[in-house]
Each structure stands twice: as C-alpha cells, then as structure tokens.
C-alpha cells in the first residue's frame, strides 16, 4: 500500500496488508483510511501498451468490481471510500 501527498504528485510506501479474512482485512484497511484521511482507493490494473489487459492483471476482485461499477458487493463492505482501477503507465 502507499499514500500520495496532498497534491497527488508523489507516493509514500506503507506496510503490506497481509490478507487474513474479510473482517480483519476490512478492519486493517479502515485503520489506514482513518489514519491518513484517505479520499480514494486506487487499485493497480496493469495494461499492455495497446490498452489491452496485461498478463499481470488478475481481474478485479468481486469487491473491487462492485466498488468501481456501483454493483452490490457479494459481501458487506464497511469501507465507504471511492475505489478506482488504474494502470500506472497509461495514467488512467
């Protein structure tokens, strides 16, 4: 995980979130969101130069897909922060 500066120019690395279970994962994420006053979650989604999905893109998790499309998530999501999927190389 990383957080950006207030202008969105640089990023500062944070600890890696080690998955345990959904409840503990959300609690850990909520703690980081509160500590750093997070306004948006950006999930990496690597694309090829052509714009096609890259080989390292695993596809969105059910929660990420729901968060980015507005669909109802398959599990309760206590994290009420906008989520987007973005490719770093394409800047989108």
Protein backbone atom coordinates (compact mmCIF):
# COMPACT_ATOMS: atom_id res chain seq x y z
CA UNK A 1 0.00 0.00 0.00
CA UNK A 2 1.00 3.61 -0.48
CA UNK A 3 -0.44 7.07 0.11
CA UNK A 4 0.07 10.12 -2.03
CA UNK A 5 0.95 13.61 -0.95
CA UNK A 6 -1.92 16.15 -0.83
CA UNK A 7 -1.20 17.27 -4.42
CA UNK A 8 -1.13 13.69 -5.76
CA UNK A 9 2.40 14.03 -7.10
CA UNK A 10 4.43 11.56 -5.03
CA UNK A 11 3.64 8.35 -3.17
CA UNK A 12 4.92 7.12 0.16
CA UNK A 13 5.03 3.38 0.72
CA UNK A 14 3.17 1.84 3.65
CA UNK A 15 3.14 -1.63 5.12
CA UNK A 16 1.91 -4.57 3.06
CA UNK A 17 -1.56 -5.68 4.07
CA UNK A 18 -1.32 -9.41 4.71
CA UNK A 19 -4.70 -10.98 3.97
CA UNK A 20 -6.25 -12.91 6.87
CA UNK A 21 -10.02 -12.89 6.48
CA UNK A 22 -12.57 -10.37 5.24
CA UNK A 23 -13.39 -8.94 8.66
CA UNK A 24 -9.76 -8.41 9.66
CA UNK A 25 -8.81 -7.18 6.17
CA UNK A 26 -11.53 -4.51 6.29
CA UNK A 27 -10.54 -3.52 9.84
CA UNK A 28 -6.91 -3.05 8.77
CA UNK A 29 -7.95 -1.07 5.69
CA UNK A 30 -10.32 1.08 7.74
CA UNK A 31 -7.50 1.87 10.15
CA UNK A 32 -5.24 3.07 7.31
CA UNK A 33 -8.11 5.07 5.76
CA UNK A 34 -8.73 6.82 9.07
CA UNK A 35 -5.07 7.39 9.89
CA UNK A 36 -4.27 9.00 6.53
CA UNK A 37 -7.70 10.53 5.78
CA UNK A 38 -7.94 8.56 2.51
CA UNK A 39 -10.31 10.06 -0.07
CA UNK A 40 -9.94 7.42 -2.81
CA UNK A 41 -8.56 3.90 -3.14
CA UNK A 42 -6.63 3.17 -6.34
CA UNK A 43 -6.21 -0.47 -7.31
CA UNK A 44 -3.43 -1.29 -9.77
CA UNK A 45 -4.62 -2.77 -13.05
CA UNK A 46 -1.69 -3.27 -15.47
CA UNK A 47 -2.50 -2.84 -19.14
CA UNK A 48 -0.41 -3.53 -22.22
CA UNK A 49 0.77 -0.61 -24.34
CA UNK A 50 -2.16 -1.34 -26.66
CA UNK A 51 -4.53 -0.79 -23.76
CA UNK A 52 -5.50 -4.48 -23.54
CA UNK A 53 -5.46 -6.20 -20.17
CA UNK A 54 -1.91 -7.18 -19.25
CA UNK A 55 -0.72 -10.63 -18.21
CA UNK A 56 -0.23 -9.43 -14.61
CA UNK A 57 -3.78 -8.14 -14.33
CA UNK A 58 -5.69 -10.73 -12.37
CA UNK A 59 -9.00 -9.03 -12.94
CA UNK A 60 -10.99 -7.25 -10.30
CA UNK A 61 -11.94 -8.96 -7.10
CA UNK A 62 -15.71 -9.16 -6.57
CA UNK A 63 -15.46 -6.30 -4.05
CA UNK A 64 -13.35 -4.10 -6.34
CA UNK A 65 -15.67 -4.78 -9.29
CA UNK A 66 -18.65 -3.80 -7.17
CA UNK A 67 -16.90 -0.73 -5.81
CA UNK A 68 -15.96 0.55 -9.27
CA UNK A 69 -19.24 -0.24 -11.06
CA UNK A 70 -21.71 0.54 -8.29
CA UNK A 71 -22.99 -3.06 -8.27
CA UNK A 72 -23.93 -4.63 -4.97
CA UNK A 73 -20.84 -6.34 -3.48
CA UNK A 74 -21.05 -10.05 -2.64
CA UNK A 75 -20.16 -9.26 0.97
CA UNK A 76 -20.84 -6.33 3.24
CA UNK A 77 -18.35 -3.56 2.55
CA UNK A 78 -17.76 -1.28 5.52
CA UNK A 79 -15.24 0.80 3.56
CA UNK A 80 -17.13 3.78 2.16
CA UNK A 81 -14.35 5.28 0.03
CA UNK A 82 -14.49 5.59 -3.79
CA UNK A 83 -12.41 2.91 -5.50
CA UNK A 84 -10.91 3.06 -8.98
CA UNK A 85 -8.75 0.70 -11.00
CA UNK A 86 -5.84 2.40 -12.74
CA UNK A 87 -2.83 1.49 -14.85
CA UNK A 88 0.28 3.46 -13.84
CA UNK A 89 1.88 3.51 -17.29
CA UNK A 90 -1.21 4.85 -19.01
CA UNK A 91 -2.09 7.28 -16.23
CA UNK A 92 -5.70 6.18 -16.35
